[in-house]
Protein backbone atom coordinates (compact mmCIF):
# COMPACT_ATOMS: atom_id res chain seq x y z
CA MET A 1 -19.38 -51.96 30.10
CA SER A 2 -17.20 -48.72 31.33
CA ILE A 3 -18.12 -45.37 31.70
CA THR A 4 -16.82 -43.67 28.68
CA VAL A 5 -17.05 -39.78 30.09
CA PRO A 6 -15.66 -38.05 32.08
CA THR A 7 -17.14 -39.02 35.95
CA ASN A 8 -16.32 -35.49 37.96
CA VAL A 9 -18.89 -33.11 36.02
CA PRO A 10 -17.76 -29.60 36.22
CA GLN A 11 -19.11 -27.10 38.01
CA PRO A 12 -20.98 -25.34 35.34
CA MET A 13 -23.08 -28.47 34.75
CA GLN A 14 -23.79 -29.34 38.00
CA ALA A 15 -27.63 -28.04 37.89
CA THR A 16 -28.00 -30.58 34.54
CA LEU A 17 -26.93 -33.35 36.11
CA LYS A 18 -28.89 -32.88 39.43
CA PHE A 19 -32.25 -32.62 36.74
CA TYR A 20 -30.74 -35.37 34.64
CA LEU A 21 -30.99 -37.50 37.78
CA SER A 22 -34.59 -36.06 38.73
CA LEU A 23 -36.32 -37.46 36.66
CA PRO A 24 -37.38 -41.37 36.35
CA LYS A 25 -35.66 -44.29 35.00
CA VAL A 26 -32.49 -42.37 34.78
CA SER A 27 -29.22 -43.78 36.16
CA CYS A 28 -26.39 -42.09 36.74
CA THR A 29 -24.23 -43.63 34.00
CA ALA A 30 -27.03 -42.02 32.09
CA ALA A 31 -26.91 -38.68 33.39
CA LEU A 32 -23.27 -37.86 33.08
CA TYR A 33 -24.06 -39.16 29.11
CA MET A 34 -26.15 -36.56 29.09
CA CYS A 35 -24.81 -34.04 30.30
CA HIS A 36 -21.38 -35.17 28.63
CA ASN A 37 -23.69 -35.80 24.87
CA TYR A 38 -26.06 -33.03 25.16
CA GLY A 39 -26.03 -29.23 24.60
CA SER A 40 -28.24 -28.40 26.38
CA VAL A 41 -31.45 -29.70 28.54
CA GLY A 42 -33.89 -28.80 25.55
CA GLU A 43 -31.95 -30.84 22.98
CA CYS A 44 -32.06 -33.65 25.13
CA ILE A 45 -36.24 -33.18 25.43
CA ALA A 46 -36.69 -32.34 21.90
CA SER A 47 -34.74 -35.29 21.12
CA SER A 48 -36.03 -38.71 19.77
CA VAL A 49 -36.25 -42.75 21.43
CA THR A 50 -33.75 -43.30 19.40
CA THR A 51 -31.25 -40.37 19.47
CA LEU A 52 -32.02 -40.95 23.65
CA GLN A 53 -31.01 -43.77 23.13
CA ARG A 54 -27.63 -43.73 22.04
CA LYS A 55 -26.44 -40.96 23.67
CA ALA A 56 -27.94 -41.57 26.93
CA LYS A 57 -26.80 -45.46 26.23
CA MET A 58 -29.69 -46.63 27.14
CA ALA A 59 -31.92 -49.32 26.03
CA GLU A 60 -35.18 -48.61 24.32
CA TRP A 61 -36.99 -49.30 26.73
CA ARG A 62 -35.96 -47.36 28.59
CA ALA A 63 -35.47 -43.90 26.76
CA ARG A 64 -39.31 -44.78 25.35
CA GLU A 65 -39.85 -44.26 29.84
CA VAL A 66 -38.24 -41.15 29.66
CA HIS A 67 -39.34 -39.38 26.70
CA ALA A 68 -42.98 -40.09 27.54
CA TYR A 69 -42.21 -38.59 30.69
CA LEU A 70 -40.40 -35.87 29.14
CA ARG A 71 -43.62 -34.63 26.86
CA ARG A 72 -45.84 -35.52 29.15
CA ASP A 73 -48.36 -32.33 30.41
CA PHE A 74 -47.93 -31.22 34.06
CA CYS A 75 -50.70 -29.45 35.80
CA ALA A 76 -48.53 -26.10 36.76
CA GLU A 77 -50.96 -25.84 39.79
CA MET A 78 -48.46 -28.35 41.11
CA THR A 79 -45.43 -26.55 40.45
CA PRO A 80 -43.77 -24.92 43.64
CA GLN A 81 -44.65 -21.67 43.84
CA LYS A 82 -42.11 -18.75 44.08
């Protein structure tokens, strides 16, 4: 399978790419697809497993794991403080 989105990410998308790459089970290729196929991180977070699978070009099991991770409750006390 070849990558059908641009591999050079414009400067405004760099932070978004870094976010997607920080997610467990998201490959470099999937992160590129996510950058180009979602209008925002919020749109990605709100998407279904099927949509995530289609837009990120990933297997169903991987999309399920990413989907579950994005919906997991996090303890606010464990986040970095300013």
